[in-house]
PDB file of N, CA and C in Angstrom:
ATOM      1  N   MET A   1      20.566  71.732 127.140  1.00  0.00           N
ATOM      2  CA  MET A   1      21.341  70.555 126.789  1.00  0.00           C
ATOM      3  C   MET A   1      21.027  70.113 125.354  1.00  0.00           C
ATOM      4  N   PHE A   2      19.748  70.106 125.016  1.00  0.00           N
ATOM      5  CA  PHE A   2      19.352  69.703 123.670  1.00  0.00           C
ATOM      6  C   PHE A   2      19.926  70.661 122.631  1.00  0.00           C
ATOM      7  N   LYS A   3      19.881  71.987 122.914  1.00  0.00           N
ATOM      8  CA  LYS A   3      20.399  72.979 121.982  1.00  0.00           C
ATOM      9  C   LYS A   3      21.900  72.796 121.772  1.00  0.00           C
ATOM     10  N   GLN A   4      22.626  72.459 122.832  1.00  0.00           N
ATOM     11  CA  GLN A   4      24.077  72.269 122.704  1.00  0.00           C
ATOM     12  C   GLN A   4      24.373  71.093 121.776  1.00  0.00           C
ATOM     13  N   LYS A   5      23.629  69.998 121.943  1.00  0.00           N
ATOM     14  CA  LYS A   5      23.842  68.832 121.080  1.00  0.00           C
ATOM     15  C   LYS A   5      23.458  69.145 119.643  1.00  0.00           C
ATOM     16  N   LEU A   6      22.378  69.907 119.476  1.00  0.00           N
ATOM     17  CA  LEU A   6      21.950  70.282 118.136  1.00  0.00           C
ATOM     18  C   LEU A   6      23.013  71.139 117.461  1.00  0.00           C
ATOM     19  N   TYR A   7      23.532  72.147 118.168  1.00  0.00           N
ATOM     20  CA  TYR A   7      24.568  73.005 117.606  1.00  0.00           C
ATOM     21  C   TYR A   7      25.840  72.211 117.303  1.00  0.00           C
ATOM     22  N   ALA A   8      26.215  71.326 118.199  1.00  0.00           N
ATOM     23  CA  ALA A   8      27.399  70.496 117.978  1.00  0.00           C
ATOM     24  C   ALA A   8      27.213  69.635 116.739  1.00  0.00           C
ATOM     25  N   GLY A   9      26.015  69.084 116.570  1.00  0.00           N
ATOM     26  CA  GLY A   9      25.721  68.270 115.389  1.00  0.00           C
ATOM     27  C   GLY A   9      25.769  69.085 114.110  1.00  0.00           C
ATOM     28  N   LEU A  10      25.229  70.292 114.152  1.00  0.00           N
ATOM     29  CA  LEU A  10      25.249  71.161 112.972  1.00  0.00           C
ATOM     30  C   LEU A  10      26.661  71.583 112.614  1.00  0.00           C
ATOM     31  N   ILE A  11      27.450  71.902 113.618  1.00  0.00           N
ATOM     32  CA  ILE A  11      28.840  72.286 113.365  1.00  0.00           C
ATOM     33  C   ILE A  11      29.609  71.109 112.770  1.00  0.00           C
ATOM     34  N   GLY A  12      29.402  69.922 113.295  1.00  0.00           N
ATOM     35  CA  GLY A  12      30.046  68.725 112.758  1.00  0.00           C
ATOM     36  C   GLY A  12      29.646  68.479 111.310  1.00  0.00           C
ATOM     37  N   ALA A  13      28.359  68.654 111.007  1.00  0.00           N
ATOM     38  CA  ALA A  13      27.889  68.460 109.638  1.00  0.00           C
ATOM     39  C   ALA A  13      28.509  69.485 108.694  1.00  0.00           C
ATOM     40  N   MET A  14      28.626  70.722 109.144  1.00  0.00           N
ATOM     41  CA  MET A  14      29.230  71.762 108.309  1.00  0.00           C
ATOM     42  C   MET A  14      30.705  71.473 108.064  1.00  0.00           C
ATOM     43  N   LEU A  15      31.407  70.977 109.071  1.00  0.00           N
ATOM     44  CA  LEU A  15      32.815  70.632 108.901  1.00  0.00           C
ATOM     45  C   LEU A  15      32.984  69.492 107.891  1.00  0.00           C
ATOM     46  N   MET A  16      32.131  68.494 107.991  1.00  0.00           N
ATOM     47  CA  MET A  16      32.200  67.364 107.055  1.00  0.00           C
ATOM     48  C   MET A  16      31.905  67.823 105.636  1.00  0.00           C
ATOM     49  N   LEU A  17      30.922  68.695 105.471  1.00  0.00           N
ATOM     50  CA  LEU A  17      30.598  69.218 104.155  1.00  0.00           C
ATOM     51  C   LEU A  17      31.781  70.004 103.597  1.00  0.00           C
ATOM     52  N   GLY A  18      32.403  70.806 104.442  1.00  0.00           N
ATOM     53  CA  GLY A  18      33.581  71.560 104.017  1.00  0.00           C
ATOM     54  C   GLY A  18      34.713  70.660 103.578  1.00  0.00           C
ATOM     55  N   LEU A  19      34.954  69.605 104.305  1.00  0.00           N
ATOM     56  CA  LEU A  19      36.011  68.665 103.935  1.00  0.00           C
ATOM     57  C   LEU A  19      35.683  67.949 102.636  1.00  0.00           C
ATOM     58  N   THR A  20      34.419  67.598 102.461  1.00  0.00           N
ATOM     59  CA  THR A  20      33.998  66.918 101.244  1.00  0.00           C
ATOM     60  C   THR A  20      34.176  67.821 100.033  1.00  0.00           C
ATOM     61  N   LEU A  21      33.808  69.065 100.151  1.00  0.00           N
ATOM     62  CA  LEU A  21      33.912  69.992  99.027  1.00  0.00           C
ATOM     63  C   LEU A  21      35.342  70.400  98.732  1.00  0.00           C
ATOM     64  N   SER A  22      36.240  70.251  99.691  1.00  0.00           N
ATOM     65  CA  SER A  22      37.622  70.671  99.478  1.00  0.00           C
ATOM     66  C   SER A  22      38.520  69.543  98.984  1.00  0.00           C
ATOM     67  N   THR A  23      37.955  68.371  98.684  1.00  0.00           N
ATOM     68  CA  THR A  23      38.775  67.267  98.194  1.00  0.00           C
ATOM     69  C   THR A  23      39.279  67.595  96.793  1.00  0.00           C
ATOM     70  N   PRO A  24      40.389  67.007  96.386  1.00  0.00           N
ATOM     71  CA  PRO A  24      40.952  67.304  95.073  1.00  0.00           C
ATOM     72  C   PRO A  24      39.965  67.000  93.953  1.00  0.00           C
ATOM     73  N   THR A  25      40.067  67.760  92.870  1.00  0.00           N
ATOM     74  CA  THR A  25      39.172  67.583  91.742  1.00  0.00           C
ATOM     75  C   THR A  25      39.740  66.620  90.717  1.00  0.00           C
ATOM     76  N   MET A  26      40.852  65.989  91.028  1.00  0.00           N
ATOM     77  CA  MET A  26      41.473  65.078  90.090  1.00  0.00           C
ATOM     78  C   MET A  26      41.916  63.800  90.793  1.00  0.00           C
ATOM     79  N   ALA A  27      41.794  62.682  90.086  1.00  0.00           N
ATOM     80  CA  ALA A  27      42.362  61.431  90.568  1.00  0.00           C
ATOM     81  C   ALA A  27      43.717  61.297  89.886  1.00  0.00           C
ATOM     82  N   SER A  28      44.684  60.705  90.570  1.00  0.00           N
ATOM     83  CA  SER A  28      46.010  60.657  89.968  1.00  0.00           C
ATOM     84  C   SER A  28      46.669  59.301  90.123  1.00  0.00           C
ATOM     85  N   SER A  29      47.659  59.083  89.265  1.00  0.00           N
ATOM     86  CA  SER A  29      48.512  57.909  89.377  1.00  0.00           C
ATOM     87  C   SER A  29      49.915  58.311  88.946  1.00  0.00           C
ATOM     88  N   ASP A  30      50.919  57.753  89.608  1.00  0.00           N
ATOM     89  CA  ASP A  30      52.302  58.052  89.263  1.00  0.00           C
ATOM     90  C   ASP A  30      52.630  57.454  87.897  1.00  0.00           C
ATOM     91  N   VAL A  31      53.426  58.172  87.123  1.00  0.00           N
ATOM     92  CA  VAL A  31      53.887  57.672  85.835  1.00  0.00           C
ATOM     93  C   VAL A  31      55.385  57.888  85.743  1.00  0.00           C
ATOM     94  N   THR A  32      56.038  57.081  84.924  1.00  0.00           N
ATOM     95  CA  THR A  32      57.471  57.238  84.703  1.00  0.00           C
ATOM     96  C   THR A  32      57.687  58.273  83.607  1.00  0.00           C
ATOM     97  N   GLU A  33      58.903  58.764  83.518  1.00  0.00           N
ATOM     98  CA  GLU A  33      59.233  59.746  82.486  1.00  0.00           C
ATOM     99  C   GLU A  33      58.986  59.175  81.090  1.00  0.00           C
ATOM    100  N   ALA A  34      59.222  57.872  80.931  1.00  0.00           N
ATOM    101  CA  ALA A  34      59.009  57.228  79.639  1.00  0.00           C
ATOM    102  C   ALA A  34      57.530  57.208  79.236  1.00  0.00           C
ATOM    103  N   GLU A  35      56.635  57.287  80.218  1.00  0.00           N
ATOM    104  CA  GLU A  35      55.192  57.265  79.940  1.00  0.00           C
ATOM    105  C   GLU A  35      54.625  58.654  79.635  1.00  0.00           C
ATOM    106  N   VAL A  36      55.420  59.684  79.833  1.00  0.00           N
ATOM    107  CA  VAL A  36      54.974  61.054  79.566  1.00  0.00           C
ATOM    108  C   VAL A  36      55.081  61.312  78.065  1.00  0.00           C
ATOM    109  N   PRO A  37      54.018  61.847  77.430  1.00  0.00           N
ATOM    110  CA  PRO A  37      54.065  62.108  75.990  1.00  0.00           C
ATOM    111  C   PRO A  37      55.214  63.044  75.601  1.00  0.00           C
ATOM    112  N   ALA A  38      55.772  62.821  74.426  1.00  0.00           N
ATOM    113  CA  ALA A  38      56.911  63.615  73.945  1.00  0.00           C
ATOM    114  C   ALA A  38      56.633  65.121  73.935  1.00  0.00           C
ATOM    115  N   PRO A  39      55.435  65.584  73.504  1.00  0.00           N
ATOM    116  CA  PRO A  39      55.197  67.034  73.524  1.00  0.00           C
ATOM    117  C   PRO A  39      55.242  67.628  74.940  1.00  0.00           C
ATOM    118  N   VAL A  40      54.786  66.863  75.917  1.00  0.00           N
ATOM    119  CA  VAL A  40      54.808  67.325  77.308  1.00  0.00           C
ATOM    120  C   VAL A  40      56.252  67.412  77.793  1.00  0.00           C
ATOM    121  N   MET A  41      57.008  66.371  77.534  1.00  0.00           N
ATOM    122  CA  MET A  41      58.411  66.343  77.969  1.00  0.00           C
ATOM    123  C   MET A  41      59.211  67.450  77.292  1.00  0.00           C
ATOM    124  N   LYS A  42      58.971  67.676  76.007  1.00  0.00           N
ATOM    125  CA  LYS A  42      59.683  68.722  75.278  1.00  0.00           C
ATOM    126  C   LYS A  42      59.372  70.101  75.865  1.00  0.00           C
ATOM    127  N   ALA A  43      58.087  70.371  76.123  1.00  0.00           N
ATOM    128  CA  ALA A  43      57.688  71.669  76.690  1.00  0.00           C
ATOM    129  C   ALA A  43      58.319  71.874  78.062  1.00  0.00           C
ATOM    130  N   PHE A  44      58.327  70.820  78.879  1.00  0.00           N
ATOM    131  CA  PHE A  44      58.909  70.912  80.226  1.00  0.00           C
ATOM    132  C   PHE A  44      60.418  71.145  80.164  1.00  0.00           C
ATOM    133  N   LYS A  45      61.113  70.361  79.340  1.00  0.00           N
ATOM    134  CA  LYS A  45      62.582  70.452  79.250  1.00  0.00           C
ATOM    135  C   LYS A  45      63.039  71.789  78.665  1.00  0.00           C
ATOM    136  N   GLN A  46      62.212  72.424  77.829  1.00  0.00           N
ATOM    137  CA  GLN A  46      62.576  73.731  77.278  1.00  0.00           C
ATOM    138  C   GLN A  46      62.638  74.780  78.376  1.00  0.00           C
ATOM    139  N   ILE A  47      61.743  74.666  79.360  1.00  0.00           N
ATOM    140  CA  ILE A  47      61.696  75.657  80.439  1.00  0.00           C
ATOM    141  C   ILE A  47      62.665  75.297  81.559  1.00  0.00           C
ATOM    142  N   TYR A  48      62.713  74.023  81.942  1.00  0.00           N
ATOM    143  CA  TYR A  48      63.538  73.586  83.076  1.00  0.00           C
ATOM    144  C   TYR A  48      64.429  72.396  82.687  1.00  0.00           C
ATOM    145  N   PRO A  49      65.467  72.619  81.894  1.00  0.00           N
ATOM    146  CA  PRO A  49      66.335  71.502  81.497  1.00  0.00           C
ATOM    147  C   PRO A  49      67.150  70.921  82.649  1.00  0.00           C
ATOM    148  N   ASP A  50      67.343  71.708  83.720  1.00  0.00           N
ATOM    149  CA  ASP A  50      68.174  71.269  84.847  1.00  0.00           C
ATOM    150  C   ASP A  50      67.352  70.872  86.071  1.00  0.00           C
ATOM    151  N   ALA A  51      66.086  70.540  85.882  1.00  0.00           N
ATOM    152  CA  ALA A  51      65.216  70.181  87.009  1.00  0.00           C
ATOM    153  C   ALA A  51      65.721  68.905  87.684  1.00  0.00           C
ATOM    154  N   VAL A  52      65.570  68.855  89.013  1.00  0.00           N
ATOM    155  CA  VAL A  52      65.948  67.670  89.786  1.00  0.00           C
ATOM    156  C   VAL A  52      64.755  67.227  90.632  1.00  0.00           C
ATOM    157  N   LYS A  53      64.847  66.017  91.164  1.00  0.00           N
ATOM    158  CA  LYS A  53      63.776  65.434  91.978  1.00  0.00           C
ATOM    159  C   LYS A  53      62.433  65.512  91.248  1.00  0.00           C
ATOM    160  N   VAL A  54      62.445  65.120  89.989  1.00  0.00           N
ATOM    161  CA  VAL A  54      61.270  65.226  89.122  1.00  0.00           C
ATOM    162  C   VAL A  54      60.334  64.047  89.361  1.00  0.00           C
ATOM    163  N   GLU A  55      59.059  64.353  89.623  1.00  0.00           N
ATOM    164  CA  GLU A  55      58.029  63.332  89.824  1.00  0.00           C
ATOM    165  C   GLU A  55      56.835  63.652  88.928  1.00  0.00           C
ATOM    166  N   TRP A  56      56.419  62.666  88.136  1.00  0.00           N
ATOM    167  CA  TRP A  56      55.300  62.845  87.209  1.00  0.00           C
ATOM    168  C   TRP A  56      54.062  62.106  87.711  1.00  0.00           C
ATOM    169  N   LYS A  57      52.900  62.693  87.460  1.00  0.00           N
ATOM    170  CA  LYS A  57      51.610  62.066  87.761  1.00  0.00           C
ATOM    171  C   LYS A  57      50.681  62.300  86.585  1.00  0.00           C
ATOM    172  N   LEU A  58      49.846  61.315  86.319  1.00  0.00           N
ATOM    173  CA  LEU A  58      48.787  61.451  85.326  1.00  0.00           C
ATOM    174  C   LEU A  58      47.488  61.607  86.086  1.00  0.00           C
ATOM    175  N   LYS A  59      46.768  62.676  85.797  1.00  0.00           N
ATOM    176  CA  LYS A  59      45.513  62.944  86.484  1.00  0.00           C
ATOM    177  C   LYS A  59      44.390  63.059  85.469  1.00  0.00           C
ATOM    178  N   LYS A  60      43.169  62.850  85.934  1.00  0.00           N
ATOM    179  CA  LYS A  60      41.981  63.079  85.114  1.00  0.00           C
ATOM    180  C   LYS A  60      41.076  64.021  85.865  1.00  0.00           C
ATOM    181  N   VAL A  61      40.607  65.040  85.166  1.00  0.00           N
ATOM    182  CA  VAL A  61      39.713  66.016  85.760  1.00  0.00           C
ATOM    183  C   VAL A  61      38.369  65.344  86.022  1.00  0.00           C
ATOM    184  N   HIS A  62      37.793  65.568  87.222  1.00  0.00           N
ATOM    185  CA  HIS A  62      36.541  64.917  87.620  1.00  0.00           C
ATOM    186  C   HIS A  62      35.277  65.627  87.172  1.00  0.00           C
ATOM    187  N   PHE A  63      35.317  66.957  87.059  1.00  0.00           N
ATOM    188  CA  PHE A  63      34.098  67.654  86.672  1.00  0.00           C
ATOM    189  C   PHE A  63      34.423  68.960  85.964  1.00  0.00           C
ATOM    190  N   GLY A  64      33.380  69.612  85.468  1.00  0.00           N
ATOM    191  CA  GLY A  64      33.564  70.866  84.740  1.00  0.00           C
ATOM    192  C   GLY A  64      33.736  70.616  83.256  1.00  0.00           C
ATOM    193  N   LYS A  65      34.123  71.650  82.544  1.00  0.00           N
ATOM    194  CA  LYS A  65      34.290  71.571  81.095  1.00  0.00           C
ATOM    195  C   LYS A  65      35.324  70.541  80.683  1.00  0.00           C
ATOM    196  N   LEU A  66      36.333  70.364  81.521  1.00  0.00           N
ATOM    197  CA  LEU A  66      37.435  69.456  81.194  1.00  0.00           C
ATOM    198  C   LEU A  66      37.261  68.053  81.767  1.00  0.00           C
ATOM    199  N   LYS A  67      36.048  67.687  82.178  1.00  0.00           N
ATOM    200  CA  LYS A  67      35.805  66.380  82.802  1.00  0.00           C
ATOM    201  C   LYS A  67      36.343  65.256  81.914  1.00  0.00           C
ATOM    202  N   GLY A  68      37.134  64.388  82.535  1.00  0.00           N
ATOM    203  CA  GLY A  68      37.711  63.247  81.834  1.00  0.00           C
ATOM    204  C   GLY A  68      39.001  63.554  81.092  1.00  0.00           C
ATOM    205  N   THR A  69      39.399  64.809  81.056  1.00  0.00           N
ATOM    206  CA  THR A  69      40.612  65.208  80.346  1.00  0.00           C
ATOM    207  C   THR A  69      41.848  64.784  81.127  1.00  0.00           C
ATOM    208  N   PRO A  70      42.813  64.129  80.458  1.00  0.00           N
ATOM    209  CA  PRO A  70      44.061  63.795  81.150  1.00  0.00           C
ATOM    210  C   PRO A  70      44.936  65.028  81.308  1.00  0.00           C
ATOM    211  N   VAL A  71      45.618  65.107  82.441  1.00  0.00           N
ATOM    212  CA  VAL A  71      46.534  66.202  82.739  1.00  0.00           C
ATOM    213  C   VAL A  71      47.810  65.590  83.305  1.00  0.00           C
ATOM    214  N   TYR A  72      48.945  65.990  82.762  1.00  0.00           N
ATOM    215  CA  TYR A  72      50.233  65.525  83.273  1.00  0.00           C
ATOM    216  C   TYR A  72      50.772  66.566  84.237  1.00  0.00           C
ATOM    217  N   GLU A  73      50.981  66.147  85.485  1.00  0.00           N
ATOM    218  CA  GLU A  73      51.477  67.035  86.526  1.00  0.00           C
ATOM    219  C   GLU A  73      52.907  66.643  86.862  1.00  0.00           C
ATOM    220  N   VAL A  74      53.768  67.640  86.944  1.00  0.00           N
ATOM    221  CA  VAL A  74      55.156  67.391  87.312  1.00  0.00           C
ATOM    222  C   VAL A  74      55.509  68.251  88.514  1.00  0.00           C
ATOM    223  N   GLU A  75      56.114  67.624  89.515  1.00  0.00           N
ATOM    224  CA  GLU A  75      56.641  68.324  90.683  1.00  0.00           C
ATOM    225  C   GLU A  75      58.149  68.144  90.652  1.00  0.00           C
ATOM    226  N   PHE A  76      58.880  69.240  90.926  1.00  0.00           N
ATOM    227  CA  PHE A  76      60.336  69.181  90.822  1.00  0.00           C
ATOM    228  C   PHE A  76      60.966  70.352  91.553  1.00  0.00           C
ATOM    229  N   GLU A  77      62.299  70.320  91.626  1.00  0.00           N
ATOM    230  CA  GLU A  77      63.085  71.435  92.149  1.00  0.00           C
ATOM    231  C   GLU A  77      63.899  72.005  91.005  1.00  0.00           C
ATOM    232  N   ASP A  78      63.988  73.341  90.959  1.00  0.00           N
ATOM    233  CA  ASP A  78      64.858  73.961  89.961  1.00  0.00           C
ATOM    234  C   ASP A  78      66.301  73.967  90.474  1.00  0.00           C
ATOM    235  N   LYS A  79      67.217  74.531  89.687  1.00  0.00           N
ATOM    236  CA  LYS A  79      68.636  74.511  90.063  1.00  0.00           C
ATOM    237  C   LYS A  79      68.935  75.289  91.343  1.00  0.00           C
ATOM    238  N   ASP A  80      68.001  76.161  91.754  1.00  0.00           N
ATOM    239  CA  ASP A  80      68.172  76.933  92.987  1.00  0.00           C
ATOM    240  C   ASP A  80      67.502  76.270  94.190  1.00  0.00           C
ATOM    241  N   GLY A  81      66.933  75.073  93.994  1.00  0.00           N
ATOM    242  CA  GLY A  81      66.295  74.351  95.090  1.00  0.00           C
ATOM    243  C   GLY A  81      64.868  74.780  95.375  1.00  0.00           C
ATOM    244  N   ILE A  82      64.255  75.529  94.468  1.00  0.00           N
ATOM    245  CA  ILE A  82      62.876  75.984  94.655  1.00  0.00           C
ATOM    246  C   ILE A  82      61.916  74.941  94.101  1.00  0.00           C
ATOM    247  N   ASP A  83      60.898  74.572  94.897  1.00  0.00           N
ATOM    248  CA  ASP A  83      59.904  73.577  94.487  1.00  0.00           C
ATOM    249  C   ASP A  83      58.894  74.187  93.525  1.00  0.00           C
ATOM    250  N   HIS A  84      58.572  73.426  92.479  1.00  0.00           N
ATOM    251  CA  HIS A  84      57.605  73.859  91.473  1.00  0.00           C
ATOM    252  C   HIS A  84      56.605  72.737  91.200  1.00  0.00           C
ATOM    253  N   GLU A  85      55.467  73.130  90.644  1.00  0.00           N
ATOM    254  CA  GLU A  85      54.470  72.178  90.154  1.00  0.00           C
ATOM    255  C   GLU A  85      53.910  72.753  88.859  1.00  0.00           C
ATOM    256  N   MET A  86      53.855  71.929  87.826  1.00  0.00           N
ATOM    257  CA  MET A  86      53.320  72.365  86.537  1.00  0.00           C
ATOM    258  C   MET A  86      52.348  71.316  86.035  1.00  0.00           C
ATOM    259  N   LYS A  87      51.320  71.771  85.319  1.00  0.00           N
ATOM    260  CA  LYS A  87      50.320  70.866  84.749  1.00  0.00           C
ATOM    261  C   LYS A  87      50.225  71.116  83.250  1.00  0.00           C
ATOM    262  N   TYR A  88      50.268  70.006  82.483  1.00  0.00           N
ATOM    263  CA  TYR A  88      50.269  70.077  81.022  1.00  0.00           C
ATOM    264  C   TYR A  88      49.148  69.232  80.428  1.00  0.00           C
ATOM    265  N   SER A  89      48.664  69.668  79.260  1.00  0.00           N
ATOM    266  CA  SER A  89      47.774  68.833  78.461  1.00  0.00           C
ATOM    267  C   SER A  89      48.641  67.775  77.777  1.00  0.00           C
ATOM    268  N   PRO A  90      48.047  66.698  77.265  1.00  0.00           N
ATOM    269  CA  PRO A  90      48.845  65.691  76.553  1.00  0.00           C
ATOM    270  C   PRO A  90      49.560  66.263  75.318  1.00  0.00           C
ATOM    271  N   GLU A  91      49.058  67.383  74.810  1.00  0.00           N
ATOM    272  CA  GLU A  91      49.678  68.019  73.648  1.00  0.00           C
ATOM    273  C   GLU A  91      50.834  68.948  74.027  1.00  0.00           C
ATOM    274  N   GLY A  92      51.100  69.114  75.330  1.00  0.00           N
ATOM    275  CA  GLY A  92      52.202  69.935  75.784  1.00  0.00           C
ATOM    276  C   GLY A  92      51.817  71.366  76.121  1.00  0.00           C
ATOM    277  N   LYS A  93      50.529  71.664  76.161  1.00  0.00           N
ATOM    278  CA  LYS A  93      50.072  73.008  76.539  1.00  0.00           C
ATOM    279  C   LYS A  93      50.146  73.144  78.056  1.00  0.00           C
ATOM    280  N   LEU A  94      50.781  74.204  78.527  1.00  0.00           N
ATOM    281  CA  LEU A  94      50.904  74.451  79.961  1.00  0.00           C
ATOM    282  C   LEU A  94      49.593  75.009  80.486  1.00  0.00           C
ATOM    283  N   TYR A  95      48.958  74.271  81.416  1.00  0.00           N
ATOM    284  CA  TYR A  95      47.713  74.725  82.046  1.00  0.00           C
ATOM    285  C   TYR A  95      47.976  75.591  83.282  1.00  0.00           C
ATOM    286  N   LYS A  96      48.960  75.160  84.087  1.00  0.00           N
ATOM    287  CA  LYS A  96      49.175  75.836  85.360  1.00  0.00           C
ATOM    288  C   LYS A  96      50.617  75.646  85.803  1.00  0.00           C
ATOM    289  N   SER A  97      51.177  76.691  86.403  1.00  0.00           N
ATOM    290  CA  SER A  97      52.531  76.631  86.955  1.00  0.00           C
ATOM    291  C   SER A  97      52.492  77.270  88.344  1.00  0.00           C
ATOM    292  N   THR A  98      53.011  76.550  89.336  1.00  0.00           N
ATOM    293  CA  THR A  98      52.964  77.023  90.709  1.00  0.00           C
ATOM    294  C   THR A  98      54.322  76.862  91.363  1.00  0.00           C
ATOM    295  N   ILE A  99      54.720  77.883  92.104  1.00  0.00           N
ATOM    296  CA  ILE A  99      55.916  77.775  92.942  1.00  0.00           C
ATOM    297  C   ILE A  99      55.428  77.428  94.330  1.00  0.00           C
ATOM    298  N   LYS A 100      55.989  76.391  94.901  1.00  0.00           N
ATOM    299  CA  LYS A 100      55.519  75.924  96.220  1.00  0.00           C
ATOM    300  C   LYS A 100      56.364  76.513  97.318  1.00  0.00           C
TER     301      LYS A 100
END
């Protein structure tokens, strides 16, 4: 009985640790298109001028080399209805592009 409780406790602790380590590495807040820097908007519009359902977020990296760095994240649908996510530096450099 004691071993079962011990194992259950260890498994629970491992699950909690896993959940803690898998949390996002960035804090975010929604921003309007007007709040997005011009270089970011220009870079985005050059690639996807016909994007719809566009949502912008401003994030800050929590740790690593880029700790404290702002990142502009945009989620949208292209003209074919495919969901995308892109992350830009404030200078308009594309960090990451993902098809969802």
